[in-house]
Protein backbone atom coordinates (compact mmCIF):
# COMPACT_ATOMS: atom_id res chain seq x y z
CA UNK A 1 -0.01 -0.01 0.25
CA UNK A 2 3.05 2.52 0.73
CA UNK A 3 4.38 1.59 -2.48
CA UNK A 4 1.34 2.53 -4.73
CA UNK A 5 0.94 5.91 -2.42
CA UNK A 6 4.42 6.97 -3.51
CA UNK A 7 3.97 5.67 -7.15
CA UNK A 8 0.55 7.26 -7.91
CA UNK A 9 2.01 9.37 -11.04
CA UNK A 10 2.84 6.59 -13.64
CA UNK A 11 0.81 6.32 -16.71
CA UNK A 12 -2.52 6.24 -17.33
CA UNK A 13 -5.44 8.13 -19.01
CA UNK A 14 -8.29 9.78 -18.47
CA UNK A 15 -11.25 8.78 -20.43
CA UNK A 16 -14.97 9.78 -19.75
CA UNK A 17 -13.62 10.84 -16.10
CA UNK A 18 -12.12 7.56 -15.33
CA UNK A 19 -8.34 6.16 -14.86
CA UNK A 20 -7.75 3.86 -18.00
CA UNK A 21 -4.84 2.14 -18.84
CA UNK A 22 -3.42 0.85 -21.97
CA UNK A 23 -4.34 -2.65 -22.72
CA UNK A 24 -2.60 -3.69 -25.51
CA UNK A 25 -3.95 -1.54 -29.40
CA UNK A 26 -6.54 0.08 -26.78
CA UNK A 27 -7.05 2.13 -23.66
CA UNK A 28 -9.41 0.71 -21.26
CA UNK A 29 -10.76 1.89 -18.20
CA UNK A 30 -11.25 -1.76 -16.50
CA UNK A 31 -7.95 -2.24 -15.89
CA UNK A 32 -5.96 -1.52 -12.49
CA UNK A 33 -2.77 -1.48 -11.21
CA UNK A 34 -3.98 -1.68 -7.61
CA UNK A 35 -3.20 0.61 -4.91
CA UNK A 36 -1.22 2.80 -7.75
CA UNK A 37 -4.58 2.89 -8.84
CA UNK A 38 -6.41 4.06 -6.17
CA UNK A 39 -4.23 6.47 -4.82
CA UNK A 40 -4.35 7.66 -9.01
CA UNK A 41 -7.87 8.07 -8.62
CA UNK A 42 -7.44 10.17 -5.26
CA UNK A 43 -5.17 12.46 -6.83
CA UNK A 44 -6.96 12.98 -9.77
CA UNK A 45 -10.59 13.26 -7.74
CA UNK A 46 -8.92 16.35 -5.89
CA UNK A 47 -7.53 18.12 -9.13
CA UNK A 48 -11.33 17.77 -10.46
CA UNK A 49 -9.95 15.02 -13.38
CA UNK A 50 -12.25 12.31 -11.96
CA UNK A 51 -15.78 12.06 -11.21
CA UNK A 52 -17.33 11.26 -7.57
CA UNK A 53 -18.36 7.84 -9.10
CA UNK A 54 -15.70 6.78 -10.39
CA UNK A 55 -13.43 8.16 -7.26
CA UNK A 56 -15.77 5.99 -4.68
CA UNK A 57 -15.73 2.77 -6.80
CA UNK A 58 -12.01 2.65 -7.02
CA UNK A 59 -11.65 2.56 -3.49
CA UNK A 60 -10.51 -0.65 -1.92
CA UNK A 61 -8.30 -2.49 0.41
CA UNK A 62 -6.90 -5.60 -1.17
CA UNK A 63 -6.07 -7.88 1.37
CA UNK A 64 -3.35 -10.81 0.77
CA UNK A 65 -4.76 -14.02 3.15
CA UNK A 66 -2.29 -16.50 2.36
CA UNK A 67 0.35 -17.48 -0.25
CA UNK A 68 1.54 -21.05 -1.28
CA UNK A 69 3.82 -22.62 -3.76
CA UNK A 70 2.37 -25.73 -5.53
CA UNK A 71 5.72 -26.94 -6.21
CA UNK A 72 6.12 -27.74 -2.35
CA UNK A 73 2.56 -28.91 -2.36
CA UNK A 74 3.27 -33.07 -3.36
CA UNK A 75 5.38 -32.92 -0.16
CA UNK A 76 2.67 -32.81 2.44
CA UNK A 77 1.24 -36.25 1.33
CA UNK A 78 2.27 -39.50 1.37
CA UNK A 79 1.38 -41.21 -2.16
CA UNK A 80 -0.55 -39.03 -5.23
CA UNK A 81 -2.24 -40.63 -7.41
CA UNK A 82 -3.79 -39.61 -10.67
CA UNK A 83 -1.60 -36.90 -12.33
CA UNK A 84 -0.35 -36.94 -15.47
CA UNK A 85 3.06 -35.47 -15.20
CA UNK A 86 1.86 -31.95 -13.98
CA UNK A 87 3.94 -32.16 -10.69
């Protein structure tokens, strides 16, 4: 969250009072880069470039609940049956 707060000035566009990002050959307002996008919305809202509705929809807090490695998963079991070369 802190790194997003410090890097809110990045490459984005404002289209129809929303923050939009380049998506291949087009510009899409549905893409998000996490807290960078949240803080960019806050910045642009204060400058009057983003609508209040867009600003309110962009506010979110992401919670990382858990992380695990699929490569270590076989170590939790004594026998693995039915795997066709995926692990």
